[in-house]
Protein backbone atom coordinates (compact mmCIF):
# COMPACT_ATOMS: atom_id res chain seq x y z
CA MET A 1 149.74 119.70 87.23
CA VAL A 2 148.91 119.41 90.87
CA PHE A 3 145.29 118.77 89.89
CA ILE A 4 146.40 114.99 88.38
CA PRO A 5 148.40 113.85 91.23
CA ALA A 6 145.62 114.99 93.43
CA VAL A 7 142.91 113.19 91.54
CA SER A 8 145.23 109.89 91.38
CA ALA A 9 145.61 109.81 95.31
CA LEU A 10 141.70 110.17 95.76
CA VAL A 11 140.73 107.52 93.07
CA PHE A 12 143.48 105.31 95.15
CA VAL A 13 141.73 105.77 98.40
CA SER A 14 138.55 105.66 97.32
CA ALA A 15 139.47 102.17 95.77
CA TYR A 16 141.26 100.87 98.95
CA ILE A 17 138.55 101.98 101.16
CA ALA A 18 136.06 100.13 98.64
CA MET A 19 137.76 96.82 98.47
CA SER A 20 138.31 97.08 102.34
CA LEU A 21 134.62 97.24 102.87
CA LEU A 22 134.14 94.48 100.24
CA LEU A 23 136.39 92.00 101.70
CA ASP A 24 134.87 92.83 105.37
CA GLU A 25 131.36 91.89 103.80
CA HIS A 26 132.95 88.54 102.17
CA ASP A 27 134.36 87.35 105.26
CA ARG A 28 130.97 88.33 107.08
CA ARG A 29 129.08 86.58 104.62
CA LEU A 30 131.41 83.73 104.83
CA ALA A 31 131.01 83.61 108.36
CA ALA A 32 127.26 83.62 108.25
CA THR A 33 126.73 80.86 105.98
CA LYS A 34 128.84 78.57 107.69
CA LEU A 35 127.11 79.49 110.93
CA GLY A 36 123.85 78.56 109.01
CA GLN A 37 122.89 82.06 109.37
CA VAL A 38 119.90 83.58 106.22
CA GLU A 39 121.22 86.75 104.80
CA ASP A 40 119.07 89.63 105.09
CA THR A 41 119.29 91.10 101.64
CA VAL A 42 116.45 93.18 100.35
CA PRO A 43 114.03 91.51 98.16
CA GLY A 44 114.27 92.60 94.71
CA ASP A 45 116.99 95.40 95.22
CA SER A 46 118.98 96.80 92.46
CA PRO A 47 122.40 95.89 91.24
CA ILE A 48 123.69 98.76 92.41
CA VAL A 49 122.30 98.64 95.60
CA ARG A 50 123.64 95.24 96.26
CA PHE A 51 127.15 96.48 94.86
CA LEU A 52 127.16 99.49 97.34
CA ARG A 53 125.57 97.51 99.96
CA PRO A 54 128.94 97.42 102.33
CA ALA A 55 129.45 100.96 102.25
CA TRP A 56 125.79 102.06 103.08
CA LYS A 57 125.93 99.30 105.64
CA THR A 58 128.64 100.81 107.31
CA PHE A 59 127.97 104.45 107.25
CA ALA A 60 124.13 103.80 108.09
CA PRO A 61 124.51 104.37 112.06
CA SER A 62 125.66 107.90 111.57
CA PHE A 63 122.26 109.00 110.24
CA ALA A 64 121.07 107.61 113.55
CA GLY A 65 120.50 110.83 115.23
CA LEU A 66 119.11 112.33 112.43
CA LYS A 67 115.78 114.32 113.78
CA VAL A 68 113.29 114.63 110.95
CA PRO A 69 109.81 113.10 111.59
CA ARG A 70 108.24 114.09 108.87
CA ALA A 71 110.98 112.56 106.31
CA ARG A 72 110.87 109.28 108.61
CA SER A 73 107.03 109.10 108.10
CA ALA A 74 107.17 110.02 104.32
CA TYR A 75 109.35 106.99 104.28
CA ARG A 76 107.73 104.71 106.18
CA GLU A 77 104.70 105.10 103.88
CA LEU A 78 106.72 104.99 100.85
CA ALA A 79 108.99 101.98 102.06
CA LEU A 80 105.49 100.17 103.11
CA SER A 81 104.21 100.41 99.55
CA ALA A 82 107.68 99.30 98.15
CA GLY A 83 107.67 96.37 100.39
CA LEU A 84 111.27 97.54 101.99
CA GLU A 85 109.81 98.19 105.77
CA GLY A 86 111.70 96.13 108.05
CA SER A 87 114.71 95.61 105.05
CA LEU A 88 115.74 99.03 104.27
CA THR A 89 115.75 101.51 107.08
CA PHE A 90 115.32 105.15 106.83
CA GLU A 91 118.88 105.66 108.00
CA GLU A 92 120.34 102.78 105.80
CA PHE A 93 118.60 104.77 103.03
CA LEU A 94 119.79 107.61 103.49
CA ALA A 95 123.38 105.86 103.79
CA PHE A 96 122.66 104.55 100.20
CA CYS A 97 121.65 107.88 98.49
CA SER A 98 125.13 109.55 100.23
CA VAL A 99 127.16 106.91 99.07
CA PHE A 100 125.75 106.78 95.41
CA PHE A 101 125.84 110.23 95.12
CA CYS A 102 129.65 110.85 96.59
CA GLY A 103 130.14 107.99 94.12
CA CYS A 104 128.77 109.74 91.09
CA LEU A 105 130.49 112.96 92.25
CA ALA A 106 133.86 110.98 91.95
CA VAL A 107 133.36 110.55 88.40
CA PHE A 108 132.13 113.41 87.80
CA VAL A 109 135.20 115.40 88.61
CA LEU A 110 137.01 112.62 86.35
CA SER A 111 134.95 112.62 83.27
CA ARG A 112 133.07 115.73 83.53
CA SER A 113 129.50 114.14 83.12
CA VAL A 114 126.36 115.56 83.89
CA VAL A 115 124.43 112.58 83.45
CA LEU A 116 126.17 110.95 86.09
CA LEU A 117 125.84 113.82 88.55
CA LEU A 118 121.92 114.07 87.87
CA ALA A 119 121.81 110.41 88.51
CA GLY A 120 123.51 110.60 91.80
CA GLY A 121 120.57 112.75 92.72
CA ILE A 122 117.77 111.14 91.34
CA TYR A 123 118.34 107.15 91.21
CA PRO A 124 117.63 106.36 94.45
CA ALA A 125 114.09 108.17 94.56
CA LEU A 126 113.65 106.36 90.65
CA TRP A 127 114.52 103.04 92.32
CA ILE A 128 112.33 102.78 94.90
CA TYR A 129 109.36 104.45 93.16
CA GLU A 130 109.88 101.92 90.68
CA ARG A 131 109.63 98.91 93.50
CA VAL A 132 106.22 100.43 94.44
CA LYS A 133 105.07 100.55 90.68
CA VAL A 134 106.45 96.34 90.52
CA ARG A 135 104.88 95.30 93.64
CA LYS A 136 101.44 96.98 92.94
CA GLY A 137 101.41 95.27 89.26
CA ALA A 138 102.42 91.72 90.87
CA ILE A 139 99.93 91.88 93.58
CA ALA A 140 97.65 92.82 90.79
CA ARG A 141 97.91 90.32 88.19
CA GLU A 142 98.21 87.37 91.15
CA LEU A 143 95.51 88.54 93.13
CA PRO A 144 92.64 87.20 90.89
CA ALA A 145 94.27 83.37 91.10
CA VAL A 146 94.98 83.51 94.64
CA VAL A 147 91.25 84.13 95.37
CA ASP A 148 90.15 81.50 93.05
CA MET A 149 91.86 79.10 95.19
CA LEU A 150 90.18 80.45 98.10
CA ALA A 151 87.04 80.50 96.89
CA LEU A 152 87.39 76.76 95.88
CA SER A 153 89.08 75.85 99.08
CA VAL A 154 86.28 77.48 101.19
CA GLU A 155 83.34 75.81 99.35
CA ALA A 156 85.27 72.46 99.66
CA GLY A 157 84.84 72.91 103.33
CA LEU A 158 87.88 74.79 104.74
CA SER A 159 87.49 77.99 106.70
CA LEU A 160 88.79 81.28 105.26
CA PHE A 161 91.93 81.30 107.34
CA GLY A 162 92.51 77.55 106.86
CA ALA A 163 92.32 78.19 102.99
CA ILE A 164 94.91 80.71 103.67
CA GLU A 165 97.16 78.79 105.40
CA ARG A 166 96.89 75.74 103.07
CA ILE A 167 97.64 78.26 99.87
CA CYS A 168 100.95 80.22 101.70
CA ALA A 169 101.96 76.40 102.64
CA LYS A 170 101.81 75.27 98.91
CA LYS A 171 102.64 78.61 96.72
CA LYS A 172 106.10 80.25 96.00
CA GLY A 173 107.09 83.28 97.90
CA SER A 174 105.58 86.30 95.74
CA PHE A 175 104.76 89.76 97.78
CA LEU A 176 100.91 89.07 98.41
CA ILE A 177 101.76 85.55 99.74
CA ASP A 178 104.48 87.17 101.86
CA GLU A 179 101.71 89.35 102.70
CA MET A 180 99.65 87.00 103.80
CA ARG A 181 102.16 84.86 105.86
CA ARG A 182 102.90 87.87 107.62
CA MET A 183 99.14 88.40 108.44
CA LEU A 184 99.01 84.55 109.73
CA LYS A 185 101.93 85.17 111.72
CA PHE A 186 100.10 88.43 113.39
CA ILE A 187 97.38 86.56 114.24
CA GLU A 188 99.29 83.75 115.81
CA LEU A 189 101.07 86.15 118.27
CA GLY A 190 97.43 86.76 119.49
CA ALA A 191 96.15 89.71 116.66
CA SER A 192 92.10 89.06 116.10
CA ARG A 193 91.08 87.91 112.42
CA ARG A 194 89.86 91.48 111.71
CA ASP A 195 92.85 92.98 112.69
CA GLY A 196 95.02 90.48 110.57
CA LEU A 197 92.88 91.44 107.86
CA GLY A 198 93.01 95.15 108.42
CA LEU A 199 96.99 94.62 108.19
CA LEU A 200 97.01 92.59 105.20
CA ALA A 201 94.87 95.55 103.61
CA ASP A 202 96.92 98.28 105.11
CA ARG A 203 100.30 96.61 103.77
CA CYS A 204 99.55 95.60 100.38
CA ARG A 205 98.54 98.99 99.85
CA SER A 206 95.99 97.78 96.70
CA ARG A 207 92.54 99.05 95.92
CA ASP A 208 91.43 95.29 95.13
CA VAL A 209 92.87 94.07 97.94
CA SER A 210 91.58 96.62 100.35
CA SER A 211 87.71 96.05 98.22
CA LEU A 212 88.34 92.41 98.64
CA ILE A 213 88.93 92.69 102.71
CA THR A 214 85.64 95.03 103.10
CA LEU A 215 83.74 92.34 101.26
CA ILE A 216 84.85 89.52 103.58
CA LEU A 217 84.50 91.59 106.55
CA GLN A 218 80.74 92.60 105.44
CA ALA A 219 80.14 89.01 104.55
CA GLU A 220 81.21 87.91 108.14
CA LEU A 221 79.15 90.36 109.63
CA LEU A 222 75.96 90.00 107.98
CA GLY A 223 76.68 86.15 108.15
CA ALA A 224 76.55 85.65 104.50
CA GLY A 225 78.37 82.72 103.06
CA VAL A 226 82.20 83.58 102.21
CA GLY A 227 82.83 81.23 99.60
CA GLN A 228 80.24 82.90 97.13
CA VAL A 229 81.49 86.32 97.89
CA LEU A 230 85.07 85.20 97.09
CA LYS A 231 83.77 83.34 93.65
CA GLN A 232 82.48 86.63 92.46
CA GLN A 233 85.33 88.60 93.49
CA ALA A 234 87.78 86.38 91.58
CA GLY A 235 85.34 86.87 88.59
CA TYR A 236 85.22 90.84 88.64
CA LEU A 237 89.30 90.74 89.13
CA ARG A 238 89.32 88.48 86.37
CA GLY A 239 87.48 91.07 84.12
CA GLU A 240 89.59 94.24 85.80
CA ARG A 241 92.97 92.52 85.02
CA PHE A 242 91.70 91.97 81.05
CA ARG A 243 90.65 95.59 80.86
CA ARG A 244 93.71 96.40 82.66
CA ALA A 245 95.79 94.94 80.00
CA GLU A 246 93.54 96.41 77.11
CA ARG A 247 94.47 99.76 78.70
CA MET A 248 98.34 98.98 78.61
CA GLY A 249 98.15 97.54 75.13
CA ALA A 250 96.21 100.58 73.80
CA SER A 251 98.82 102.83 75.44
CA ALA A 252 101.27 100.99 74.14
CA ALA A 253 100.38 101.95 70.58
CA GLN A 254 100.56 105.15 71.17
CA LYS A 255 103.83 105.40 72.99
CA LEU A 256 105.56 103.72 70.15
CA LEU A 257 104.30 106.56 68.05
CA PHE A 258 107.31 108.97 68.93
CA PRO A 259 110.09 106.56 68.26
CA LEU A 260 108.52 105.31 65.14
CA VAL A 261 108.08 109.01 63.65
CA PHE A 262 111.51 110.20 65.13
CA CYS A 263 113.57 107.18 64.81
CA THR A 264 112.91 104.68 62.63
CA MET A 265 110.95 106.75 59.78
CA PRO A 266 113.80 108.93 59.22
CA ALA A 267 116.50 106.31 59.06
CA THR A 268 114.56 104.26 57.25
CA PHE A 269 114.12 107.36 54.48
CA ILE A 270 117.98 108.12 54.68
CA VAL A 271 118.80 104.48 53.80
CA ILE A 272 116.34 104.53 51.06
CA PHE A 273 116.85 107.91 49.63
CA GLY A 274 120.40 108.51 50.57
CA PRO A 275 122.06 106.74 47.75
CA VAL A 276 119.92 108.03 45.10
CA LEU A 277 120.57 111.96 46.37
CA ILE A 278 124.27 111.32 46.63
CA ARG A 279 124.12 109.89 42.87
CA PHE A 280 121.86 112.92 41.66
CA MET A 281 123.78 115.85 43.24
CA SER A 282 126.83 113.73 41.92
CA GLY A 283 125.91 114.03 38.56
CA ASP A 284 125.80 110.35 38.13
CA LEU A 285 121.92 110.12 37.36
CA LYS A 286 122.00 111.96 34.16
CA TRP A 287 119.16 109.73 32.72
CA ILE A 288 116.54 111.13 34.92
CA GLY A 289 114.06 113.47 33.02
């Protein structure tokens, strides 16, 4: 009997803290809107990350003194591949993991659901790895069109970086375009063009982008035409994207085999032969034979 009041008190305190954090975050966003400031949201974050943002923003400073250089280095590489560098720090990610796990643990105490407890431990890692996969896929899909536009602009008389500036000004924001804009800002701050291209290849973490940057640098070093190199690379990238789509289509047919055999076919057999079997077992099908 003592357990029920304790759980009720825990739920009330948790709800009070959550409402206080949400109201503080609402007031902060309202003030930022009135001042004309841009909200520093994580691009492409999940609804859970957005909902728990006031909580993990509050508890993130408590992880600042944590000295784990290997974990920080591993997270930096992962955040760079996911496009989260500068948007979600190591301390904020640890705070999000802790807040989400504590929330799942509280729900587990109430519902005794082991699934929620497991989700509290593995969801943050699954979310960030899914972001890496989505980002790499988006860059691979967009790259052929961008290289095509670069080739047309260079053959029309623009320089390579002039063509990049024009594309960044005309196209909407995306993972690849955002990295190209970051590269241009890096060059404007005084870096060389070679270092800027190296930064683009390092941040995109894409084999196609790295190959393209290598070909561009070799063409400039040997004095060859960059426009012709871009044109040939665009054709190769389009063919590679088509082959990748074919592989995904073939793997999708294999993935559909399991639910078809173990879910769809048994349900179909039950719907078709179930009434016949029931009537046969009850003796209503005496005309058979």
